[in-house]
Amino acid sequence: MNVGRKYSVIPGEVQKGFLLSATFTTIDRGMTILESISRFLQNEGIPFSTIHHEETRTSEESARARGEDISIGGKALLVKIDDVFKLFVISASQRVDSKKIKAHFGAKSIRFASEEELHRITGLVPGAVPPFGHPILELDLFVDKSIARNAKIAFNAGSLTDSIIMQTEDYLRAAKPTVLSFSQQAK
């Protein structure tokens, strides 16, 4: 594999070596999450770039590996609101304001998924969850306004070693999230 190599994908263009290891979680017909997102974006006619990099466990490490500012990182968080899990995406430079989420949903309780719940629901490890609900992950998707402030979004795509970078406008058009304000400045 080409660690640190970026691949650009223009709809209709096929690149040899683009599909990486199939050892990660699959969601459909044996495809990895990366393959599923790539196919989905190509079918939507949306350009994007992929990068295969060293394993990253934090947003800071991911930003460094991608060569991008941390603010364009899209951090996907699985949150349980009362009895239902939902997927929330926030700029990696921000923190979640759980009071805003709780108020928006009129919820009695709110908490982040445990590592075990995250794996059971998504098949992924923390840090690998991409910022997509349906049709990639069977979850309702909510995106913070902090994402829309950037021209690009970068995110891990089903593993800790594969990322996608794309235009935010294209991401929002493809992902079709509900956009809310639920962030606060990180300390």
Protein backbone atom coordinates (compact mmCIF):
# COMPACT_ATOMS: atom_id res chain seq x y z
CA MET A 1 0.00 0.00 0.00
CA ASN A 2 1.06 3.55 -0.57
CA VAL A 3 1.11 5.11 2.86
CA GLY A 4 0.64 8.86 2.67
CA ARG A 5 -0.29 8.80 -1.02
CA LYS A 6 -3.34 10.80 -2.06
CA TYR A 7 -5.65 9.62 -4.79
CA SER A 8 -8.08 11.98 -6.47
CA VAL A 9 -11.26 10.56 -7.83
CA ILE A 10 -13.19 12.39 -10.47
CA PRO A 11 -16.59 10.83 -11.24
CA GLY A 12 -16.31 8.45 -14.17
CA GLU A 13 -12.53 8.06 -13.72
CA VAL A 14 -11.19 4.69 -12.57
CA GLN A 15 -7.87 4.56 -10.79
CA LYS A 16 -5.89 1.37 -10.38
CA GLY A 17 -4.92 0.70 -6.80
CA PHE A 18 -7.70 2.90 -5.48
CA LEU A 19 -9.53 0.20 -3.52
CA LEU A 20 -7.52 -0.65 -0.45
CA SER A 21 -7.50 -3.60 1.92
CA ALA A 22 -10.84 -5.30 2.48
CA THR A 23 -9.97 -6.26 6.05
CA PHE A 24 -12.03 -3.49 7.58
CA THR A 25 -15.72 -3.57 8.45
CA THR A 26 -18.01 -4.12 5.51
CA ILE A 27 -21.54 -2.88 5.10
CA ASP A 28 -22.70 -4.29 1.77
CA ARG A 29 -21.63 -7.10 -0.52
CA GLY A 30 -18.21 -7.38 1.07
CA MET A 31 -17.27 -3.74 0.51
CA THR A 32 -15.35 -1.79 3.10
CA ILE A 33 -16.75 1.49 4.40
CA LEU A 34 -14.16 3.30 2.28
CA GLU A 35 -15.30 1.41 -0.81
CA SER A 36 -18.96 2.05 0.01
CA ILE A 37 -18.42 5.79 0.48
CA SER A 38 -16.28 5.95 -2.67
CA ARG A 39 -18.93 4.19 -4.74
CA PHE A 40 -21.70 6.35 -3.25
CA LEU A 41 -19.82 9.59 -4.03
CA GLN A 42 -18.91 8.43 -7.53
CA ASN A 43 -22.56 7.53 -8.21
CA GLU A 44 -23.54 11.01 -7.02
CA GLY A 45 -20.97 12.56 -9.37
CA ILE A 46 -18.99 14.08 -6.51
CA PRO A 47 -15.20 14.52 -6.69
CA PHE A 48 -13.10 13.61 -3.64
CA SER A 49 -9.60 12.58 -2.65
CA THR A 50 -8.48 9.69 -0.51
CA ILE A 51 -5.33 9.37 1.53
CA HIS A 52 -3.90 6.25 3.11
CA HIS A 53 -1.81 7.20 6.13
CA GLU A 54 -0.36 5.86 9.34
CA GLU A 55 -2.85 4.87 12.02
CA THR A 56 -4.25 7.91 13.79
CA ARG A 57 -6.12 7.85 17.09
CA THR A 58 -6.80 11.56 17.63
CA SER A 59 -8.11 14.45 15.56
CA GLU A 60 -4.74 16.15 15.88
CA GLU A 61 -2.91 13.09 14.55
CA SER A 62 -5.38 12.79 11.68
CA ALA A 63 -4.94 16.44 10.70
CA ARG A 64 -1.15 16.03 10.69
CA ALA A 65 -1.32 12.83 8.63
CA ARG A 66 -3.60 14.50 6.08
CA GLY A 67 -1.57 17.70 5.95
CA GLU A 68 -4.72 19.70 6.73
CA ASP A 69 -5.80 22.10 9.45
CA ILE A 70 -7.67 20.44 12.33
CA SER A 71 -10.70 22.69 11.76
CA ILE A 72 -11.62 20.91 8.50
CA GLY A 73 -11.68 17.54 10.25
CA GLY A 74 -15.19 16.14 10.57
CA LYS A 75 -15.48 14.28 13.86
CA ALA A 76 -18.37 11.78 13.84
CA LEU A 77 -19.85 10.98 17.25
CA LEU A 78 -22.45 8.36 18.08
CA VAL A 79 -24.81 9.81 20.68
CA LYS A 80 -27.68 8.14 22.51
CA ILE A 81 -30.59 10.51 22.97
CA ASP A 82 -33.05 8.96 25.40
CA ASP A 83 -33.32 5.47 23.82
CA VAL A 84 -32.16 6.21 20.24
CA PHE A 85 -28.65 6.45 18.79
CA LYS A 86 -27.97 9.25 16.30
CA LEU A 87 -24.82 10.33 14.48
CA PHE A 88 -23.48 13.85 15.06
CA VAL A 89 -20.67 15.49 13.10
CA ILE A 90 -18.68 18.44 14.38
CA SER A 91 -15.48 20.24 13.38
CA ALA A 92 -12.55 18.54 15.08
CA SER A 93 -11.54 21.94 16.47
CA GLN A 94 -14.81 22.23 18.42
CA ARG A 95 -16.47 20.49 21.37
CA VAL A 96 -20.02 19.21 21.64
CA ASP A 97 -22.39 21.29 23.74
CA SER A 98 -24.64 18.47 24.97
CA LYS A 99 -27.09 20.97 26.48
CA LYS A 100 -27.89 22.26 22.98
CA ILE A 101 -28.55 18.72 21.71
CA LYS A 102 -30.65 17.87 24.73
CA ALA A 103 -32.71 21.05 24.32
CA HIS A 104 -33.18 20.56 20.56
CA PHE A 105 -34.60 17.06 21.03
CA GLY A 106 -36.38 17.77 24.31
CA ALA A 107 -34.46 14.79 25.66
CA LYS A 108 -34.37 13.55 29.23
CA SER A 109 -30.97 11.93 28.79
CA ILE A 110 -28.05 12.16 26.42
CA ARG A 111 -24.70 10.37 26.36
CA PHE A 112 -21.96 9.23 24.02
CA ALA A 113 -21.98 5.60 22.96
CA SER A 114 -19.58 3.30 24.75
CA GLU A 115 -16.84 1.66 22.69
CA GLU A 116 -18.83 -1.60 22.79
CA GLU A 117 -22.05 0.11 21.63
CA LEU A 118 -20.16 1.92 18.86
CA HIS A 119 -18.73 -1.37 17.61
CA ARG A 120 -22.07 -3.20 17.87
CA ILE A 121 -23.94 -0.48 15.93
CA THR A 122 -21.34 0.51 13.33
CA GLY A 123 -18.84 -2.35 13.37
CA LEU A 124 -16.11 0.28 13.78
CA VAL A 125 -13.64 1.46 16.39
CA PRO A 126 -13.57 4.97 17.86
CA GLY A 127 -12.08 7.41 15.38
CA ALA A 128 -13.01 5.36 12.31
CA VAL A 129 -16.68 6.36 12.00
CA PRO A 130 -17.31 8.38 8.83
CA PRO A 131 -19.69 11.37 8.86
CA PHE A 132 -22.43 9.61 6.89
CA GLY A 133 -25.80 8.29 7.95
CA HIS A 134 -28.07 6.61 5.39
CA PRO A 135 -27.14 4.89 3.07
CA ILE A 136 -23.64 4.26 4.52
CA LEU A 137 -24.59 3.83 8.18
CA GLU A 138 -28.17 3.23 9.24
CA LEU A 139 -28.29 6.29 11.49
CA ASP A 140 -29.97 9.68 11.41
CA LEU A 141 -27.33 12.31 10.70
CA PHE A 142 -26.92 15.74 12.31
CA VAL A 143 -24.13 18.13 11.34
CA ASP A 144 -22.98 21.14 13.32
CA LYS A 145 -22.78 24.53 11.63
CA SER A 146 -19.01 24.52 12.33
CA ILE A 147 -18.63 22.09 9.41
CA ALA A 148 -20.22 24.52 6.95
CA ARG A 149 -17.72 27.27 7.87
CA ASN A 150 -14.96 25.44 5.96
CA ALA A 151 -14.53 24.98 2.22
CA LYS A 152 -13.35 21.36 2.75
CA ILE A 153 -14.08 18.49 5.09
CA ALA A 154 -11.66 15.65 5.87
CA PHE A 155 -12.61 12.50 7.74
CA ASN A 156 -11.60 8.94 8.51
CA ALA A 157 -13.47 6.59 6.22
CA GLY A 158 -14.10 3.38 8.12
CA SER A 159 -10.58 2.83 9.43
CA LEU A 160 -7.87 4.68 11.32
CA THR A 161 -5.64 4.66 8.22
CA ASP A 162 -7.90 5.88 5.40
CA SER A 163 -9.28 9.38 4.98
CA ILE A 164 -11.41 11.22 2.46
CA ILE A 165 -11.11 14.93 1.70
CA MET A 166 -13.82 16.70 -0.26
CA GLN A 167 -15.59 20.02 -0.67
CA THR A 168 -17.97 20.72 2.22
CA GLU A 169 -20.72 21.83 -0.16
CA ASP A 170 -20.52 18.45 -1.92
CA TYR A 171 -20.46 16.59 1.41
CA LEU A 172 -23.61 18.37 2.62
CA ARG A 173 -25.37 17.72 -0.68
CA ALA A 174 -24.49 14.00 -0.60
CA ALA A 175 -24.95 13.29 3.11
CA LYS A 176 -28.24 15.23 3.39
CA PRO A 177 -27.89 15.88 7.13
CA THR A 178 -29.98 18.01 9.42
CA VAL A 179 -27.78 21.01 10.19
CA LEU A 180 -27.92 22.32 13.77
CA SER A 181 -25.80 24.37 16.10
CA PHE A 182 -24.42 22.13 18.86
CA SER A 183 -20.77 23.14 19.21
CA GLN A 184 -18.70 25.19 21.58
CA GLN A 185 -15.11 26.33 21.25
CA ALA A 186 -12.63 23.67 22.42
CA LYS A 187 -10.64 24.62 25.47
